[in-house]
Amino acid sequence: MSNALHNLKPAKGSVRQRKRVGRGQGSGRGGTSTRGHKGAQSRSGYSRKRAFEGGQTPLQMRVPKRGFKNINRVDFVPLNLNKLQHIATKHNLSTVDFDALRELRIVKKTDKVKVLGNGELSSALRVHLHAFSAKAKQAIEDAGGTATSIG
């Protein structure tokens, strides 16, 4: 017999009938409806909490707390001198400030930028950013530019 659209059916044994529970004692699944006797798991609406370990103290409570989160920490986006020089030459900038970096999508509105001293400057740049390392500030001034901290 050939398979045609009017006589297609699933392969033998691939489809199981669903378990009909709570349909009387004669069905073999009446009474407790396969849920065992009493307890939370036998009730409707039961759902186990994610970290529940059967009443045993959960792992996240057994393990000690360590360290702390400094709420006053200020995270800076690092910007090295070589990257600064690359940005200035590529976009023909003599002044590099936060607004220019935002327009170029290098930083986000909420970021704070710190200039670090890795690399060299070959041109005099006026740099107006949040913070400077001592080495970076010295290198900018040695190249004939100015390093001004903002807010």
Protein backbone atom coordinates (compact mmCIF):
# COMPACT_ATOMS: atom_id res chain seq x y z
CA MET A 1 0.00 0.00 0.00
CA SER A 2 1.47 3.36 -0.98
CA ASN A 3 1.53 6.41 1.26
CA ALA A 4 -0.80 9.11 0.03
CA LEU A 5 -2.18 12.17 1.79
CA HIS A 6 -5.48 10.44 2.58
CA ASN A 7 -3.92 7.49 4.42
CA LEU A 8 -0.92 8.98 6.29
CA LYS A 9 -0.53 8.09 9.98
CA PRO A 10 2.30 8.19 12.56
CA ALA A 11 4.77 5.32 12.84
CA LYS A 12 3.71 2.45 15.10
CA GLY A 13 4.60 3.15 18.75
CA SER A 14 5.55 6.78 18.19
CA VAL A 15 2.32 8.24 19.60
CA ARG A 16 1.23 7.48 23.16
CA GLN A 17 -2.20 8.03 24.62
CA ARG A 18 -2.28 10.59 27.42
CA LYS A 19 -2.64 9.35 31.00
CA ARG A 20 -6.26 9.99 32.08
CA VAL A 21 -6.10 10.38 35.85
CA GLY A 22 -8.88 10.86 38.39
CA ARG A 23 -11.49 8.92 36.42
CA GLY A 24 -12.59 6.44 39.07
CA GLN A 25 -11.18 3.32 40.74
CA GLY A 26 -11.75 1.10 37.74
CA SER A 27 -9.27 3.06 35.65
CA GLY A 28 -6.40 2.20 38.00
CA ARG A 29 -5.63 5.90 38.37
CA GLY A 30 -8.50 7.07 40.56
CA GLY A 31 -8.30 7.99 44.24
CA THR A 32 -5.01 9.84 44.56
CA SER A 33 -4.64 10.33 40.77
CA THR A 34 -0.99 9.13 40.74
CA ARG A 35 0.05 11.85 43.22
CA GLY A 36 0.66 9.65 46.25
CA HIS A 37 -0.85 10.39 49.68
CA LYS A 38 -1.19 13.88 51.20
CA GLY A 39 1.60 16.48 51.35
CA ALA A 40 2.20 19.64 49.35
CA GLN A 41 2.92 17.83 46.08
CA SER A 42 -0.47 16.15 46.12
CA ARG A 43 -2.33 19.49 46.27
CA SER A 44 -3.42 21.58 43.32
CA GLY A 45 -1.47 24.80 42.78
CA TYR A 46 1.76 23.37 44.24
CA SER A 47 5.01 24.68 42.78
CA ARG A 48 8.44 24.10 44.28
CA LYS A 49 10.65 27.18 44.77
CA ARG A 50 13.74 27.32 42.57
CA ALA A 51 16.37 26.68 45.27
CA PHE A 52 14.16 24.45 47.46
CA GLU A 53 16.09 21.45 48.80
CA GLY A 54 13.34 19.57 50.60
CA GLY A 55 13.54 21.61 53.80
CA GLN A 56 17.33 21.31 54.06
CA THR A 57 19.07 24.69 54.37
CA PRO A 58 19.62 25.81 50.77
CA LEU A 59 23.13 26.09 49.35
CA GLN A 60 23.07 29.89 49.01
CA MET A 61 22.31 30.14 52.74
CA ARG A 62 24.95 27.57 53.78
CA VAL A 63 27.81 29.27 51.92
CA PRO A 64 29.31 32.28 53.74
CA LYS A 65 29.13 35.78 52.29
CA ARG A 66 32.42 37.28 51.12
CA GLY A 67 33.62 40.78 50.24
CA PHE A 68 31.48 43.82 49.66
CA LYS A 69 30.29 46.12 46.88
CA ASN A 70 31.60 49.66 47.25
CA ILE A 71 28.62 51.91 46.47
CA ASN A 72 30.93 54.91 45.95
CA ARG A 73 33.07 53.23 43.28
CA VAL A 74 33.42 55.17 40.05
CA ASP A 75 33.98 53.02 36.96
CA PHE A 76 35.93 54.73 34.21
CA VAL A 77 36.12 53.76 30.55
CA PRO A 78 39.88 53.52 29.82
CA LEU A 79 41.24 55.44 26.82
CA ASN A 80 44.95 55.06 26.05
CA LEU A 81 47.08 57.71 24.35
CA ASN A 82 47.57 55.60 21.20
CA LYS A 83 43.77 55.25 20.81
CA LEU A 84 43.39 58.98 21.46
CA GLN A 85 45.93 59.76 18.71
CA HIS A 86 44.20 57.33 16.34
CA ILE A 87 40.80 58.98 16.93
CA ALA A 88 42.26 62.48 16.45
CA THR A 89 44.02 61.64 13.16
CA LYS A 90 41.19 59.53 11.73
CA HIS A 91 38.51 62.19 12.39
CA ASN A 92 40.79 65.23 12.03
CA LEU A 93 40.22 66.52 15.58
CA SER A 94 42.37 69.04 17.45
CA THR A 95 40.12 68.95 20.53
CA VAL A 96 38.98 65.66 22.00
CA ASP A 97 36.13 66.04 24.46
CA PHE A 98 33.32 63.88 25.81
CA ASP A 99 30.77 65.14 23.27
CA ALA A 100 33.09 64.25 20.38
CA LEU A 101 33.58 60.73 21.75
CA ARG A 102 29.80 60.37 22.15
CA GLU A 103 29.17 61.43 18.55
CA LEU A 104 31.71 58.83 17.40
CA ARG A 105 29.89 56.25 19.60
CA ILE A 106 33.04 55.38 21.52
CA VAL A 107 31.37 56.08 24.90
CA LYS A 108 27.84 56.16 26.26
CA LYS A 109 26.08 59.12 27.88
CA THR A 110 26.53 57.70 31.40
CA ASP A 111 30.22 56.77 31.01
CA LYS A 112 33.16 58.53 32.61
CA VAL A 113 36.44 58.46 30.65
CA LYS A 114 39.96 58.21 32.05
CA VAL A 115 42.96 58.79 29.77
CA LEU A 116 45.79 56.33 30.42
CA GLY A 117 49.45 56.61 29.42
CA ASN A 118 49.91 53.62 27.08
CA GLY A 119 51.23 54.73 23.67
CA GLU A 120 52.50 58.05 22.34
CA LEU A 121 51.07 61.30 20.99
CA SER A 122 52.47 62.79 17.81
CA SER A 123 50.28 65.90 17.72
CA ALA A 124 49.25 68.62 20.16
CA LEU A 125 45.72 67.88 21.37
CA ARG A 126 43.36 69.72 23.68
CA VAL A 127 41.77 66.96 25.77
CA HIS A 128 38.74 67.66 28.00
CA LEU A 129 37.75 64.43 29.80
CA HIS A 130 36.87 63.18 33.29
CA ALA A 131 40.24 61.93 34.54
CA PHE A 132 43.89 61.48 33.55
CA SER A 133 46.69 59.30 34.84
CA ALA A 134 49.84 61.25 35.76
CA LYS A 135 51.78 59.67 32.88
CA ALA A 136 49.03 60.49 30.35
CA LYS A 137 48.73 64.11 31.52
CA GLN A 138 52.51 64.54 31.27
CA ALA A 139 52.61 63.00 27.77
CA ILE A 140 49.79 65.26 26.49
CA GLU A 141 51.56 68.37 27.84
CA ASP A 142 54.95 67.24 26.47
CA ALA A 143 53.35 66.95 23.00
CA GLY A 144 52.23 70.59 23.32
CA GLY A 145 48.61 69.94 24.19
CA THR A 146 46.44 70.55 27.25
CA ALA A 147 44.73 68.06 29.57
CA THR A 148 41.68 69.48 31.35
CA SER A 149 39.55 67.45 33.80
CA ILE A 150 35.77 67.85 33.62
CA GLY A 151 33.22 67.15 36.39
